[in-house]
Amino acid sequence: MSYRSELLISACLLAGLMQAAAASDLPRKRYEIRVEETGTRLGRVAIRSSLPLNRRYAELDEAERALIRAEYEGMPAADEPPFPAQGLLPIFNAIQDGMDKLFPSGAMTVVADVDSEGKVRHVDVFGDVQPEFARFSSAVLMVTPFKPGFCGGKPCNMQYVLRMQFSKI
């Protein structure tokens, strides 16, 4: 084997190791928030998501991004929807705090208008949860920074939709 072939193989192995190391820098995917409960060390699941709560949009795998994109009918393949800049965990931690105080039940859809800078300009809440909890959830999204949506490779205004179902336990 020539020196050039060995160098190429070494470079490929190094690139693969660097990619594997970068992937392992991400925290283990977290799909639920648990709260302490008397009588068990595991606690109970307070919030469960089909997406990892502790990942930013860039850290999601292609299948997870496809779940998000499925909410946007007719979105071109090159476009991206807005997504909370720090991932879903800060939003759901705040929602959990509100759940502990306001005890919501029912279904709720929160629609945030996110501008091209990732700022939420307006929030609408639909559903049958208590009005106090709807206002609380709206305030949580209003202060959440977002990765803006991308249309044709440029940041654009787009809506972010968050659906939640609450049940009394």
Protein backbone atom coordinates (compact mmCIF):
# COMPACT_ATOMS: atom_id res chain seq x y z
CA MET A 1 0.00 0.00 0.00
CA SER A 2 1.34 3.41 -0.91
CA TYR A 3 1.96 6.24 1.48
CA ARG A 4 -0.80 8.25 -0.22
CA SER A 5 -3.38 5.43 0.31
CA GLU A 6 -2.38 5.10 3.95
CA LEU A 7 -2.74 8.84 4.42
CA LEU A 8 -6.20 8.80 2.81
CA ILE A 9 -7.34 5.88 4.99
CA SER A 10 -5.99 7.62 8.09
CA ALA A 11 -7.80 10.83 7.19
CA CYS A 12 -11.08 8.93 6.67
CA LEU A 13 -10.70 7.12 10.00
CA LEU A 14 -9.92 10.38 11.78
CA ALA A 15 -12.97 12.07 10.22
CA GLY A 16 -15.16 9.14 11.31
CA LEU A 17 -13.82 9.26 14.86
CA MET A 18 -14.35 13.01 15.05
CA GLN A 19 -17.95 12.62 13.84
CA ALA A 20 -18.59 9.86 16.40
CA ALA A 21 -17.09 11.99 19.15
CA ALA A 22 -19.23 14.97 18.16
CA ALA A 23 -22.36 12.80 18.20
CA SER A 24 -21.52 11.50 21.65
CA ASP A 25 -21.22 15.09 22.96
CA LEU A 26 -25.00 15.34 22.81
CA PRO A 27 -26.88 14.40 25.97
CA ARG A 28 -28.96 11.24 25.98
CA LYS A 29 -32.37 11.96 24.45
CA ARG A 30 -34.97 12.87 27.02
CA TYR A 31 -38.65 12.40 26.10
CA GLU A 32 -40.35 13.02 29.43
CA ILE A 33 -40.36 15.09 32.58
CA ARG A 34 -40.93 13.19 35.81
CA VAL A 35 -42.04 14.62 39.12
CA GLU A 36 -41.43 13.17 42.55
CA GLU A 37 -44.19 11.05 43.98
CA THR A 38 -44.42 9.56 47.44
CA GLY A 39 -43.73 5.84 47.53
CA THR A 40 -41.56 5.55 44.43
CA ARG A 41 -38.07 6.55 43.40
CA LEU A 42 -39.07 6.78 39.76
CA GLY A 43 -41.71 9.46 40.21
CA ARG A 44 -44.56 9.85 37.76
CA VAL A 45 -44.43 11.11 34.21
CA ALA A 46 -45.82 14.64 34.14
CA ILE A 47 -44.95 15.47 30.52
CA ARG A 48 -44.26 13.13 27.62
CA SER A 49 -43.21 14.14 24.11
CA SER A 50 -42.71 12.37 20.80
CA LEU A 51 -39.60 14.56 20.34
CA PRO A 52 -36.53 14.76 22.57
CA LEU A 53 -37.07 17.65 24.97
CA ASN A 54 -33.37 18.38 25.43
CA ARG A 55 -32.33 18.83 21.79
CA ARG A 56 -32.16 21.90 19.60
CA TYR A 57 -33.46 21.66 16.03
CA ALA A 58 -29.95 21.13 14.61
CA GLU A 59 -29.45 18.22 17.05
CA LEU A 60 -32.58 16.35 16.00
CA ASP A 61 -32.21 13.43 13.63
CA GLU A 62 -33.93 13.39 10.25
CA ALA A 63 -36.92 11.35 11.46
CA GLU A 64 -37.52 13.81 14.31
CA ARG A 65 -37.29 16.77 11.94
CA ALA A 66 -39.77 15.01 9.66
CA LEU A 67 -42.24 14.81 12.57
CA ILE A 68 -42.00 18.57 12.99
CA ARG A 69 -42.20 19.28 9.27
CA ALA A 70 -45.33 17.11 8.98
CA GLU A 71 -47.19 19.84 10.88
CA TYR A 72 -46.54 22.26 7.97
CA GLU A 73 -48.58 21.19 4.98
CA GLY A 74 -46.89 21.80 1.63
CA MET A 75 -43.59 22.99 3.09
CA PRO A 76 -40.81 22.67 0.47
CA ALA A 77 -38.07 20.21 1.40
CA ALA A 78 -35.42 22.95 1.68
CA ASP A 79 -37.46 25.04 4.13
CA GLU A 80 -37.39 24.73 7.93
CA PRO A 81 -40.05 25.58 10.50
CA PRO A 82 -39.29 27.69 13.57
CA PHE A 83 -38.25 25.81 16.70
CA PRO A 84 -37.42 26.87 20.28
CA ALA A 85 -33.76 27.96 20.22
CA GLN A 86 -32.88 25.97 23.37
CA GLY A 87 -35.15 23.03 22.51
CA LEU A 88 -38.45 22.10 24.13
CA LEU A 89 -37.16 21.50 27.66
CA PRO A 90 -37.26 25.13 28.90
CA ILE A 91 -40.83 25.50 27.62
CA PHE A 92 -42.01 22.27 29.21
CA ASN A 93 -40.21 22.99 32.50
CA ALA A 94 -42.16 26.26 32.68
CA ILE A 95 -45.38 24.50 31.65
CA GLN A 96 -44.75 21.96 34.42
CA ASP A 97 -44.44 24.77 36.96
CA GLY A 98 -47.79 26.14 35.76
CA MET A 99 -49.36 22.68 35.92
CA ASP A 100 -48.31 22.38 39.56
CA LYS A 101 -50.15 25.61 40.41
CA LEU A 102 -53.12 25.71 38.00
CA PHE A 103 -53.94 21.99 37.48
CA PRO A 104 -55.05 22.15 33.82
CA SER A 105 -57.17 19.54 32.12
CA GLY A 106 -58.29 19.22 28.52
CA ALA A 107 -56.59 19.93 25.22
CA MET A 108 -54.76 23.06 24.14
CA THR A 109 -53.09 24.27 20.96
CA VAL A 110 -50.75 27.26 21.21
CA VAL A 111 -49.87 29.06 17.96
CA ALA A 112 -46.96 31.50 18.11
CA ASP A 113 -46.15 33.93 15.30
CA VAL A 114 -42.35 33.83 15.08
CA ASP A 115 -40.61 36.56 13.07
CA SER A 116 -37.48 36.26 10.95
CA GLU A 117 -35.31 37.12 13.97
CA GLY A 118 -36.77 34.32 16.11
CA LYS A 119 -38.91 36.59 18.28
CA VAL A 120 -42.49 35.71 19.10
CA ARG A 121 -44.75 38.58 18.05
CA HIS A 122 -48.18 37.14 18.89
CA VAL A 123 -49.64 34.01 20.49
CA ASP A 124 -53.11 32.50 20.11
CA VAL A 125 -54.40 29.70 22.33
CA PHE A 126 -57.18 27.32 21.32
CA GLY A 127 -58.76 24.54 23.33
CA ASP A 128 -60.69 23.82 26.46
CA VAL A 129 -58.15 24.40 29.23
CA GLN A 130 -58.72 26.89 32.00
CA PRO A 131 -58.30 30.53 30.85
CA GLU A 132 -55.62 31.18 33.51
CA PHE A 133 -53.51 28.30 32.21
CA ALA A 134 -54.03 29.42 28.60
CA ARG A 135 -52.73 32.91 29.52
CA PHE A 136 -49.81 31.38 31.40
CA SER A 137 -48.85 29.15 28.44
CA SER A 138 -49.15 32.08 26.07
CA ALA A 139 -46.77 34.12 28.27
CA VAL A 140 -44.27 31.24 28.31
CA LEU A 141 -44.11 31.18 24.51
CA MET A 142 -43.97 34.99 24.26
CA VAL A 143 -40.66 35.07 26.14
CA THR A 144 -39.16 32.00 24.44
CA PRO A 145 -36.41 32.71 21.87
CA PHE A 146 -36.77 30.71 18.65
CA LYS A 147 -34.67 29.56 15.75
CA PRO A 148 -36.59 31.32 12.97
CA GLY A 149 -38.23 29.49 10.12
CA PHE A 150 -36.35 29.38 6.82
CA CYS A 151 -38.08 29.97 3.48
CA GLY A 152 -35.96 29.60 0.36
CA GLY A 153 -32.80 29.58 2.49
CA LYS A 154 -33.62 32.88 4.24
CA PRO A 155 -35.09 33.52 7.69
CA CYS A 156 -38.81 34.24 7.44
CA ASN A 157 -41.94 34.80 9.52
CA MET A 158 -43.73 31.55 10.28
CA GLN A 159 -46.01 30.09 12.92
CA TYR A 160 -44.95 27.56 15.53
CA VAL A 161 -47.67 25.18 16.74
CA LEU A 162 -47.54 23.43 20.10
CA ARG A 163 -50.26 20.89 20.95
CA MET A 164 -50.78 19.64 24.50
CA GLN A 165 -53.19 17.29 26.21
CA PHE A 166 -53.70 17.44 29.98
CA SER A 167 -55.41 14.95 32.24
CA LYS A 168 -56.14 14.99 35.95
CA ILE A 169 -54.25 12.35 37.88
